[in-house]
Structures are given as C-alpha cells and as structure tokens.
C-alpha cells in the first residue's frame, strides 16, 4: 500500500461533454413536461392553472423581499439535493435524474402559461419563468458536475486498497464551490424580482 493524493483520483469534471449532457437532459425534461401537459385531459389541465396563479396573481401581493426569498429558496432546493448526494459514493445515477425533473417543471410551467394566457403567455413566461430558470439550470448543472466528481472520488477511495490523502481539502473546496453557486442563485432571485416588476409595469 502507498499514499496517493486524492486529487489524482478526482473526476475530471471540467468536461464540456458532461455539461452538455446535463443541459440536454434538462431540455429533454422540458420537452417531456410540455408533451405531458398537452396530452392531459381538460379537467387536469385546469387543475394546473396554479402555475399562473403562483407566478403572477400571488406575486402582485408580495413585497420585493418576498419575491426574492421565494425565488432563492426554490433555486436552493435544486442545489441542496445534489450537494448532499455528492457525499454518497453510489449517487451518480440519481444525479442524472435531477435535470430531467427540473426540466419537467419548466416544461409544465411554460405550457401552462401559454394555455392560460395564449400568445400573451409567451412574453409573460419570458419574464417570470425563464430568468430564474436559466440561473437555476446553470447552478444546478455546475453543482451536479461537482457532486458527480466528489461521489466518484469517494467511490474510488472505498473500492481501492491504496491509502489516499487530501480528501479533507477536496471536501472544503467542494463546499466553497457550492457557496459560490448559492451566491449565483441569489443573483438569479434578484433578477427574477426585477423581471417581475417589469412585467407588472407592462401589464
């Protein structure tokens, strides 16, 4: 047995193909969510009108800070899940389900907005769903990439007879990266609030 730096076994997570794969899975989720919405019976589609109510009607009574807070919490959920999965050595398959699930939500939201508001739903969705959605997808993809790397590293440590060092430092860097992603989510929440204000001035 010999000592080996854990960094030598880290997943090469700066791989463009991996990022494109996660983005593609998100888009597949959007497509599935849209198709699924369009194939629902009318009574079920009416039940999904909560998307418009939550994104527009309820926001009219919210303060600026409430809009920012709600958007921040929503974005943080899709960071916390991959963050904790990163500490599991067998979580890699589950990580690939997160962008699909997120895409499903975006697809249903976009389709519901168009169904409820017609053509007017397109600019409305562009100001309510897409701004925060883009920030969420970006941070989610980067977070999953980092989580996949740490999970793969932990699997290597557990399944190898070698003695590793540097795992503590790797974990610290991992947590710092997620704090940076949380800051980006906060910026996205602020952008969401600004876009909501623009929307209310237009309608």
Protein backbone atom coordinates (compact mmCIF):
# COMPACT_ATOMS: atom_id res chain seq x y z
CA UNK A 1 0.00 0.00 0.00
CA UNK A 2 1.19 3.52 -0.67
CA UNK A 3 -0.02 7.05 -0.19
CA UNK A 4 -1.68 8.81 -3.08
CA UNK A 5 -3.09 12.28 -3.30
CA UNK A 6 -6.87 12.22 -3.64
CA UNK A 7 -6.67 14.93 -6.30
CA UNK A 8 -5.14 12.40 -8.66
CA UNK A 9 -8.34 10.40 -8.43
CA UNK A 10 -10.79 13.25 -8.73
CA UNK A 11 -13.28 13.16 -11.55
CA UNK A 12 -12.19 15.38 -14.43
CA UNK A 13 -15.28 17.50 -14.02
CA UNK A 14 -14.28 20.26 -16.41
CA UNK A 15 -15.54 18.16 -19.27
CA UNK A 16 -17.67 20.04 -21.79
CA UNK A 17 -19.41 16.85 -22.87
CA UNK A 18 -20.60 16.21 -19.31
CA UNK A 19 -22.07 19.71 -19.03
CA UNK A 20 -23.75 19.39 -22.43
CA UNK A 21 -25.19 16.05 -21.33
CA UNK A 22 -26.78 17.61 -18.25
CA UNK A 23 -28.18 20.51 -20.29
CA UNK A 24 -29.55 18.02 -22.82
CA UNK A 25 -31.24 16.05 -20.03
CA UNK A 26 -32.84 19.28 -18.81
CA UNK A 27 -34.13 20.06 -22.31
CA UNK A 28 -35.47 16.52 -22.61
CA UNK A 29 -37.30 17.12 -19.34
CA UNK A 30 -38.75 20.38 -20.74
CA UNK A 31 -39.93 18.53 -23.85
CA UNK A 32 -41.47 15.69 -21.81
CA UNK A 33 -43.17 18.19 -19.48
CA UNK A 34 -44.64 20.12 -22.40
CA UNK A 35 -45.84 17.00 -24.20
CA UNK A 36 -47.23 15.58 -20.97
CA UNK A 37 -49.16 18.78 -20.29
CA UNK A 38 -50.62 18.85 -23.80
CA UNK A 39 -51.82 15.25 -23.55
CA UNK A 40 -53.69 15.77 -20.26
CA UNK A 41 -57.50 15.84 -20.16
CA UNK A 42 -59.02 19.32 -19.95
CA UNK A 43 -60.04 18.94 -16.30
CA UNK A 44 -56.47 18.07 -15.33
CA UNK A 45 -55.10 20.99 -17.31
CA UNK A 46 -57.41 23.33 -15.43
CA UNK A 47 -56.04 21.94 -12.16
CA UNK A 48 -52.56 23.00 -13.28
CA UNK A 49 -53.61 26.64 -13.56
CA UNK A 50 -51.81 27.11 -10.23
CA UNK A 51 -48.67 27.88 -12.27
CA UNK A 52 -50.14 31.14 -13.49
CA UNK A 53 -51.61 31.92 -10.06
CA UNK A 54 -48.30 31.38 -8.28
CA UNK A 55 -46.17 33.20 -10.81
CA UNK A 56 -48.40 36.20 -11.47
CA UNK A 57 -51.50 36.58 -9.33
CA UNK A 58 -49.85 35.81 -5.99
CA UNK A 59 -46.81 37.95 -6.77
CA UNK A 60 -48.93 41.06 -7.07
CA UNK A 61 -49.49 40.94 -3.30
CA UNK A 62 -45.86 40.11 -2.45
CA UNK A 63 -43.18 42.55 -1.36
CA UNK A 64 -39.88 42.75 -3.19
CA UNK A 65 -38.15 40.74 -0.47
CA UNK A 66 -40.80 38.02 -0.56
CA UNK A 67 -40.32 37.55 -4.30
CA UNK A 68 -36.55 37.36 -3.85
CA UNK A 69 -36.87 34.95 -0.92
CA UNK A 70 -39.27 32.59 -2.70
CA UNK A 71 -37.10 32.52 -5.80
CA UNK A 72 -33.94 31.97 -3.74
CA UNK A 73 -35.48 29.07 -1.79
CA UNK A 74 -36.72 27.45 -5.00
CA UNK A 75 -33.28 27.66 -6.58
CA UNK A 76 -31.52 26.46 -3.44
CA UNK A 77 -33.57 23.26 -3.34
CA UNK A 78 -32.05 22.19 -6.65
CA UNK A 79 -28.60 22.81 -5.17
CA UNK A 80 -29.08 21.14 -1.80
CA UNK A 81 -30.17 17.83 -3.33
CA UNK A 82 -27.05 17.31 -5.49
CA UNK A 83 -24.89 18.81 -2.70
CA UNK A 84 -25.85 16.05 -0.26
CA UNK A 85 -25.81 13.36 -2.95
CA UNK A 86 -22.20 14.29 -3.62
CA UNK A 87 -21.28 12.81 -0.23
CA UNK A 88 -22.65 9.42 -1.31
CA UNK A 89 -20.33 7.14 -3.28
CA UNK A 90 -23.17 5.49 -5.24
CA UNK A 91 -25.29 8.53 -6.06
CA UNK A 92 -24.08 9.10 -9.63
CA UNK A 93 -27.20 7.61 -11.34
CA UNK A 94 -29.52 9.69 -9.14
CA UNK A 95 -27.71 12.89 -10.08
CA UNK A 96 -28.74 12.44 -13.71
CA UNK A 97 -32.42 12.41 -12.73
CA UNK A 98 -32.29 15.91 -11.22
CA UNK A 99 -32.01 17.88 -14.52
CA UNK A 100 -34.82 15.79 -16.04
CA UNK A 101 -37.04 16.55 -13.05
CA UNK A 102 -36.19 20.25 -13.26
CA UNK A 103 -36.90 20.25 -16.98
CA UNK A 104 -40.29 18.64 -16.38
CA UNK A 105 -41.22 21.51 -14.08
CA UNK A 106 -40.10 24.12 -16.59
CA UNK A 107 -41.93 22.40 -19.43
CA UNK A 108 -45.19 22.18 -17.48
CA UNK A 109 -44.82 25.80 -16.37
CA UNK A 110 -44.24 27.12 -19.89
CA UNK A 111 -47.06 25.05 -21.37
CA UNK A 112 -49.44 26.06 -18.59
CA UNK A 113 -48.62 29.73 -19.07
CA UNK A 114 -49.30 29.50 -22.80
CA UNK A 115 -52.54 27.56 -22.21
CA UNK A 116 -53.82 30.07 -19.65
CA UNK A 117 -52.82 33.26 -21.46
CA UNK A 118 -52.43 32.40 -25.12
CA UNK A 119 -49.81 34.37 -27.07
CA UNK A 120 -49.58 36.82 -24.16
CA UNK A 121 -48.21 33.92 -22.13
CA UNK A 122 -45.01 33.93 -24.20
CA UNK A 123 -43.62 37.33 -23.01
CA UNK A 124 -45.07 36.64 -19.56
CA UNK A 125 -43.17 33.36 -19.32
CA UNK A 126 -40.07 35.12 -20.63
CA UNK A 127 -40.21 37.48 -17.66
CA UNK A 128 -41.36 35.07 -14.93
CA UNK A 129 -40.13 31.56 -15.69
CA UNK A 130 -37.09 31.91 -17.94
CA UNK A 131 -34.89 34.38 -15.98
CA UNK A 132 -34.85 32.41 -12.74
CA UNK A 133 -35.00 29.16 -14.70
CA UNK A 134 -31.78 29.97 -16.57
CA UNK A 135 -29.95 30.79 -13.34
CA UNK A 136 -31.31 27.64 -11.67
CA UNK A 137 -30.33 25.39 -14.56
CA UNK A 138 -26.84 26.90 -14.71
CA UNK A 139 -26.15 26.46 -10.99
CA UNK A 140 -27.81 23.03 -10.98
CA UNK A 141 -25.65 21.79 -13.86
CA UNK A 142 -22.41 23.05 -12.30
CA UNK A 143 -23.45 21.69 -8.91
CA UNK A 144 -24.24 18.25 -10.33
CA UNK A 145 -20.91 18.25 -12.10
CA UNK A 146 -19.11 18.91 -8.82
CA UNK A 147 -21.26 16.38 -6.94
CA UNK A 148 -20.57 13.71 -9.52
CA UNK A 149 -16.85 14.36 -9.13
CA UNK A 150 -16.90 14.07 -5.34
CA UNK A 151 -19.12 10.98 -5.44
CA UNK A 152 -16.79 9.28 -7.91
CA UNK A 153 -13.82 10.23 -5.74
CA UNK A 154 -15.44 8.68 -2.66
CA UNK A 155 -16.21 5.52 -4.63
CA UNK A 156 -12.55 5.31 -5.68
CA UNK A 157 -11.43 5.68 -2.06
CA UNK A 158 -13.82 3.00 -0.83
CA UNK A 159 -13.07 0.46 -3.55
CA UNK A 160 -9.29 0.92 -3.67
CA UNK A 161 -6.65 -0.72 -1.48
CA UNK A 162 -4.48 2.38 -1.76
CA UNK A 163 -4.14 4.90 1.04
CA UNK A 164 -5.27 8.34 -0.02
CA UNK A 165 -4.75 11.79 1.45
CA UNK A 166 -6.23 15.17 0.58
CA UNK A 167 -9.90 14.23 0.93
CA UNK A 168 -10.46 16.87 3.61
CA UNK A 169 -9.10 19.61 1.36
CA UNK A 170 -11.17 18.34 -1.57
CA UNK A 171 -14.32 18.49 0.57
CA UNK A 172 -13.53 22.06 1.63
CA UNK A 173 -13.14 23.15 -1.99
CA UNK A 174 -16.38 21.35 -2.83
CA UNK A 175 -18.28 23.28 -0.14
CA UNK A 176 -16.77 26.60 -1.22
CA UNK A 177 -17.86 25.98 -4.81
CA UNK A 178 -21.40 25.38 -3.63
CA UNK A 179 -21.35 28.61 -1.63
CA UNK A 180 -20.40 30.42 -4.84
CA UNK A 181 -23.30 28.71 -6.61
CA UNK A 182 -25.63 29.86 -3.82
CA UNK A 183 -24.45 33.42 -4.46
CA UNK A 184 -25.34 32.98 -8.13
CA UNK A 185 -28.78 31.72 -7.11
CA UNK A 186 -29.19 34.90 -5.04
CA UNK A 187 -28.33 36.98 -8.11
CA UNK A 188 -30.90 34.98 -10.07
CA UNK A 189 -33.52 35.70 -7.39
CA UNK A 190 -32.77 39.40 -7.68
CA UNK A 191 -33.09 39.19 -11.47
CA UNK A 192 -36.39 37.37 -11.01
CA UNK A 193 -37.71 40.20 -8.85
CA UNK A 194 -36.62 42.84 -11.37
CA UNK A 195 -38.26 40.95 -14.25
CA UNK A 196 -41.46 40.64 -12.19
CA UNK A 197 -41.50 44.40 -11.66
CA UNK A 198 -41.04 44.94 -15.39
CA UNK A 199 -43.92 42.58 -16.07
CA UNK A 200 -46.27 44.43 -13.71
CA UNK A 201 -45.40 47.72 -15.36
CA UNK A 202 -46.17 46.27 -18.78
CA UNK A 203 -49.50 44.58 -17.94
